[in-house]
Amino acid sequence: MYDTKSSGRLGAIRRYPVLYGCFWALMLAAIGIVIVFLIAQLGDLQPRGITAAAYIIHCIAVFFGSLAASRSAQSRGWLYGSLTGLLYALLMIAIGLFVYNTFTIDPSGLFRVFLMAAIGAFGGMIAMATTGDD
């Protein structure tokens, strides 16, 4: 029988569900950021609205990335989802560290990391609950 899980362009990365989910989360975040950028340039979006939109984009990206990771793993959705959210949050911290050269361990930063892991775990549970038994 033809194995669709390991074939295709994303076949190699699909063997690692957390990386696969993080890949999709980053792609969705990039698309969302471009859309917000265009709305901000063409419309009248205030800086506070841009910050809120960025948080919403990251939450949506982690949710759908954890869906992809958990469906790729086909088991333990909460684990793969939370690891995807955690890796995504750590990548965002690393990008912030290298771009803005700021790194502080404060309660709000730790809360954001925990929130991304929790959203990922929720997305993973949803993925396992909606996966059909073939």
C-alpha atoms as a PDB file:
ATOM      1  CA  MET A   1       0.000   0.000   0.000  1.00  0.00           C
ATOM      2  CA  TYR A   2       1.163   3.527  -0.758  1.00  0.00           C
ATOM      3  CA  ASP A   3       2.387   5.390   2.319  1.00  0.00           C
ATOM      4  CA  THR A   4       1.138   8.970   2.077  1.00  0.00           C
ATOM      5  CA  LYS A   5       2.543   9.982   5.438  1.00  0.00           C
ATOM      6  CA  SER A   6       6.186   9.976   4.347  1.00  0.00           C
ATOM      7  CA  SER A   7       5.816  10.929   0.689  1.00  0.00           C
ATOM      8  CA  GLY A   8       5.753  14.329  -0.934  1.00  0.00           C
ATOM      9  CA  ARG A   9       7.673  17.471  -0.238  1.00  0.00           C
ATOM     10  CA  LEU A  10       6.883  17.584   3.451  1.00  0.00           C
ATOM     11  CA  GLY A  11       7.413  13.843   3.880  1.00  0.00           C
ATOM     12  CA  ALA A  12      10.732  14.169   5.674  1.00  0.00           C
ATOM     13  CA  ILE A  13       9.515  16.763   8.144  1.00  0.00           C
ATOM     14  CA  ARG A  14       6.247  14.902   8.721  1.00  0.00           C
ATOM     15  CA  ARG A  15       8.180  12.172  10.503  1.00  0.00           C
ATOM     16  CA  TYR A  16       8.792  14.716  13.268  1.00  0.00           C
ATOM     17  CA  PRO A  17       5.315  15.925  14.268  1.00  0.00           C
ATOM     18  CA  VAL A  18       6.480  18.827  16.445  1.00  0.00           C
ATOM     19  CA  LEU A  19       8.642  20.260  13.665  1.00  0.00           C
ATOM     20  CA  TYR A  20       5.846  19.688  11.154  1.00  0.00           C
ATOM     21  CA  GLY A  21       3.352  21.548  13.335  1.00  0.00           C
ATOM     22  CA  CYS A  22       5.803  24.346  14.039  1.00  0.00           C
ATOM     23  CA  PHE A  23       6.433  24.688  10.295  1.00  0.00           C
ATOM     24  CA  TRP A  24       2.712  25.163   9.654  1.00  0.00           C
ATOM     25  CA  ALA A  25       2.394  27.548  12.595  1.00  0.00           C
ATOM     26  CA  LEU A  26       5.237  29.693  11.266  1.00  0.00           C
ATOM     27  CA  MET A  27       3.724  29.730   7.766  1.00  0.00           C
ATOM     28  CA  LEU A  28       0.319  30.768   9.106  1.00  0.00           C
ATOM     29  CA  ALA A  29       1.914  33.434  11.287  1.00  0.00           C
ATOM     30  CA  ALA A  30       3.857  34.815   8.318  1.00  0.00           C
ATOM     31  CA  ILE A  31       0.692  35.019   6.213  1.00  0.00           C
ATOM     32  CA  GLY A  32      -1.197  36.670   9.072  1.00  0.00           C
ATOM     33  CA  ILE A  33       1.553  39.198   9.680  1.00  0.00           C
ATOM     34  CA  VAL A  34       1.600  40.152   5.990  1.00  0.00           C
ATOM     35  CA  ILE A  35      -2.174  40.647   6.073  1.00  0.00           C
ATOM     36  CA  VAL A  36      -1.950  42.839   9.186  1.00  0.00           C
ATOM     37  CA  PHE A  37       0.892  44.793   7.581  1.00  0.00           C
ATOM     38  CA  LEU A  38      -1.217  45.465   4.488  1.00  0.00           C
ATOM     39  CA  ILE A  39      -4.214  46.493   6.582  1.00  0.00           C
ATOM     40  CA  ALA A  40      -2.007  48.810   8.644  1.00  0.00           C
ATOM     41  CA  GLN A  41      -0.510  50.401   5.529  1.00  0.00           C
ATOM     42  CA  LEU A  42      -3.732  50.771   3.560  1.00  0.00           C
ATOM     43  CA  GLY A  43      -6.111  51.388   6.431  1.00  0.00           C
ATOM     44  CA  ASP A  44      -6.116  53.230   9.695  1.00  0.00           C
ATOM     45  CA  LEU A  45      -4.901  50.644  12.183  1.00  0.00           C
ATOM     46  CA  GLN A  46      -3.656  52.012  15.488  1.00  0.00           C
ATOM     47  CA  PRO A  47      -0.499  50.623  17.166  1.00  0.00           C
ATOM     48  CA  ARG A  48      -2.599  49.080  19.919  1.00  0.00           C
ATOM     49  CA  GLY A  49      -4.618  47.252  17.267  1.00  0.00           C
ATOM     50  CA  ILE A  50      -1.448  45.948  15.653  1.00  0.00           C
ATOM     51  CA  THR A  51      -0.280  44.505  18.974  1.00  0.00           C
ATOM     52  CA  ALA A  52      -3.636  42.831  19.574  1.00  0.00           C
ATOM     53  CA  ALA A  53      -3.649  41.459  16.023  1.00  0.00           C
ATOM     54  CA  ALA A  54      -0.144  40.039  16.515  1.00  0.00           C
ATOM     55  CA  TYR A  55      -1.211  38.178  19.671  1.00  0.00           C
ATOM     56  CA  ILE A  56      -4.306  36.822  17.932  1.00  0.00           C
ATOM     57  CA  ILE A  57      -2.250  35.704  14.924  1.00  0.00           C
ATOM     58  CA  HIS A  58       0.223  33.858  17.143  1.00  0.00           C
ATOM     59  CA  CYS A  59      -2.562  32.102  19.063  1.00  0.00           C
ATOM     60  CA  ILE A  60      -4.314  31.022  15.847  1.00  0.00           C
ATOM     61  CA  ALA A  61      -1.015  29.882  14.330  1.00  0.00           C
ATOM     62  CA  VAL A  62      -0.168  27.747  17.369  1.00  0.00           C
ATOM     63  CA  PHE A  63      -3.662  26.246  17.406  1.00  0.00           C
ATOM     64  CA  PHE A  64      -3.552  25.168  13.767  1.00  0.00           C
ATOM     65  CA  GLY A  65       0.088  24.116  14.008  1.00  0.00           C
ATOM     66  CA  SER A  66      -0.757  21.853  16.921  1.00  0.00           C
ATOM     67  CA  LEU A  67      -3.657  20.424  14.920  1.00  0.00           C
ATOM     68  CA  ALA A  68      -1.222  19.534  12.140  1.00  0.00           C
ATOM     69  CA  ALA A  69       1.327  18.090  14.573  1.00  0.00           C
ATOM     70  CA  SER A  70      -1.184  15.933  16.404  1.00  0.00           C
ATOM     71  CA  ARG A  71      -2.759  14.612  13.230  1.00  0.00           C
ATOM     72  CA  SER A  72       0.697  13.807  11.926  1.00  0.00           C
ATOM     73  CA  ALA A  73       1.555  11.918  15.128  1.00  0.00           C
ATOM     74  CA  GLN A  74      -1.865  10.203  15.295  1.00  0.00           C
ATOM     75  CA  SER A  75      -1.570   9.755  19.071  1.00  0.00           C
ATOM     76  CA  ARG A  76      -1.003  11.772  22.253  1.00  0.00           C
ATOM     77  CA  GLY A  77      -2.432  14.932  20.759  1.00  0.00           C
ATOM     78  CA  TRP A  78      -2.105  16.980  23.923  1.00  0.00           C
ATOM     79  CA  LEU A  79       1.608  16.156  24.181  1.00  0.00           C
ATOM     80  CA  TYR A  80       2.528  16.916  20.582  1.00  0.00           C
ATOM     81  CA  GLY A  81       0.312  19.994  20.596  1.00  0.00           C
ATOM     82  CA  SER A  82       1.845  21.428  23.757  1.00  0.00           C
ATOM     83  CA  LEU A  83       5.373  20.702  22.523  1.00  0.00           C
ATOM     84  CA  THR A  84       4.532  22.477  19.268  1.00  0.00           C
ATOM     85  CA  GLY A  85       3.263  25.502  21.204  1.00  0.00           C
ATOM     86  CA  LEU A  86       6.326  25.467  23.436  1.00  0.00           C
ATOM     87  CA  LEU A  87       8.737  25.255  20.490  1.00  0.00           C
ATOM     88  CA  TYR A  88       6.872  28.059  18.717  1.00  0.00           C
ATOM     89  CA  ALA A  89       7.075  30.257  21.827  1.00  0.00           C
ATOM     90  CA  LEU A  90      10.790  29.532  22.215  1.00  0.00           C
ATOM     91  CA  LEU A  91      11.357  30.420  18.558  1.00  0.00           C
ATOM     92  CA  MET A  92       9.540  33.723  19.061  1.00  0.00           C
ATOM     93  CA  ILE A  93      11.671  34.424  22.138  1.00  0.00           C
ATOM     94  CA  ALA A  94      14.826  33.647  20.150  1.00  0.00           C
ATOM     95  CA  ILE A  95      13.747  35.943  17.320  1.00  0.00           C
ATOM     96  CA  GLY A  96      12.997  38.701  19.821  1.00  0.00           C
ATOM     97  CA  LEU A  97      16.333  38.161  21.496  1.00  0.00           C
ATOM     98  CA  PHE A  98      18.315  38.434  18.271  1.00  0.00           C
ATOM     99  CA  VAL A  99      16.291  41.254  16.699  1.00  0.00           C
ATOM    100  CA  TYR A 100      15.653  43.487  19.709  1.00  0.00           C
ATOM    101  CA  ASN A 101      18.452  42.212  21.970  1.00  0.00           C
ATOM    102  CA  THR A 102      16.131  42.018  24.950  1.00  0.00           C
ATOM    103  CA  PHE A 103      15.622  39.037  27.162  1.00  0.00           C
ATOM    104  CA  THR A 104      13.950  39.210  30.518  1.00  0.00           C
ATOM    105  CA  ILE A 105      12.326  36.448  32.471  1.00  0.00           C
ATOM    106  CA  ASP A 106       9.298  38.221  33.833  1.00  0.00           C
ATOM    107  CA  PRO A 107       5.853  36.882  34.755  1.00  0.00           C
ATOM    108  CA  SER A 108       4.186  38.190  31.594  1.00  0.00           C
ATOM    109  CA  GLY A 109       6.779  36.505  29.370  1.00  0.00           C
ATOM    110  CA  LEU A 110       6.438  33.202  31.198  1.00  0.00           C
ATOM    111  CA  PHE A 111       2.662  33.511  30.979  1.00  0.00           C
ATOM    112  CA  ARG A 112       2.884  33.900  27.185  1.00  0.00           C
ATOM    113  CA  VAL A 113       5.046  30.768  26.928  1.00  0.00           C
ATOM    114  CA  PHE A 114       2.592  28.847  29.117  1.00  0.00           C
ATOM    115  CA  LEU A 115      -0.334  30.195  27.093  1.00  0.00           C
ATOM    116  CA  MET A 116       1.192  28.996  23.815  1.00  0.00           C
ATOM    117  CA  ALA A 117       1.787  25.541  25.301  1.00  0.00           C
ATOM    118  CA  ALA A 118      -1.791  25.427  26.644  1.00  0.00           C
ATOM    119  CA  ILE A 119      -3.264  26.513  23.300  1.00  0.00           C
ATOM    120  CA  GLY A 120      -1.137  23.868  21.613  1.00  0.00           C
ATOM    121  CA  ALA A 121      -2.339  21.176  24.018  1.00  0.00           C
ATOM    122  CA  PHE A 122      -5.951  22.210  23.384  1.00  0.00           C
ATOM    123  CA  GLY A 123      -5.404  22.094  19.623  1.00  0.00           C
ATOM    124  CA  GLY A 124      -3.837  18.660  19.946  1.00  0.00           C
ATOM    125  CA  MET A 125      -6.803  17.371  21.934  1.00  0.00           C
ATOM    126  CA  ILE A 126      -9.210  18.777  19.345  1.00  0.00           C
ATOM    127  CA  ALA A 127      -7.200  17.110  16.581  1.00  0.00           C
ATOM    128  CA  MET A 128      -7.403  13.715  18.261  1.00  0.00           C
ATOM    129  CA  ALA A 129     -11.110  14.137  18.991  1.00  0.00           C
ATOM    130  CA  THR A 130     -11.899  14.984  15.361  1.00  0.00           C
ATOM    131  CA  THR A 131      -9.672  12.351  13.765  1.00  0.00           C
ATOM    132  CA  GLY A 132     -11.842   9.638  12.292  1.00  0.00           C
ATOM    133  CA  ASP A 133     -11.216   5.979  12.996  1.00  0.00           C
ATOM    134  CA  ASP A 134     -10.509   4.576   9.553  1.00  0.00           C
END
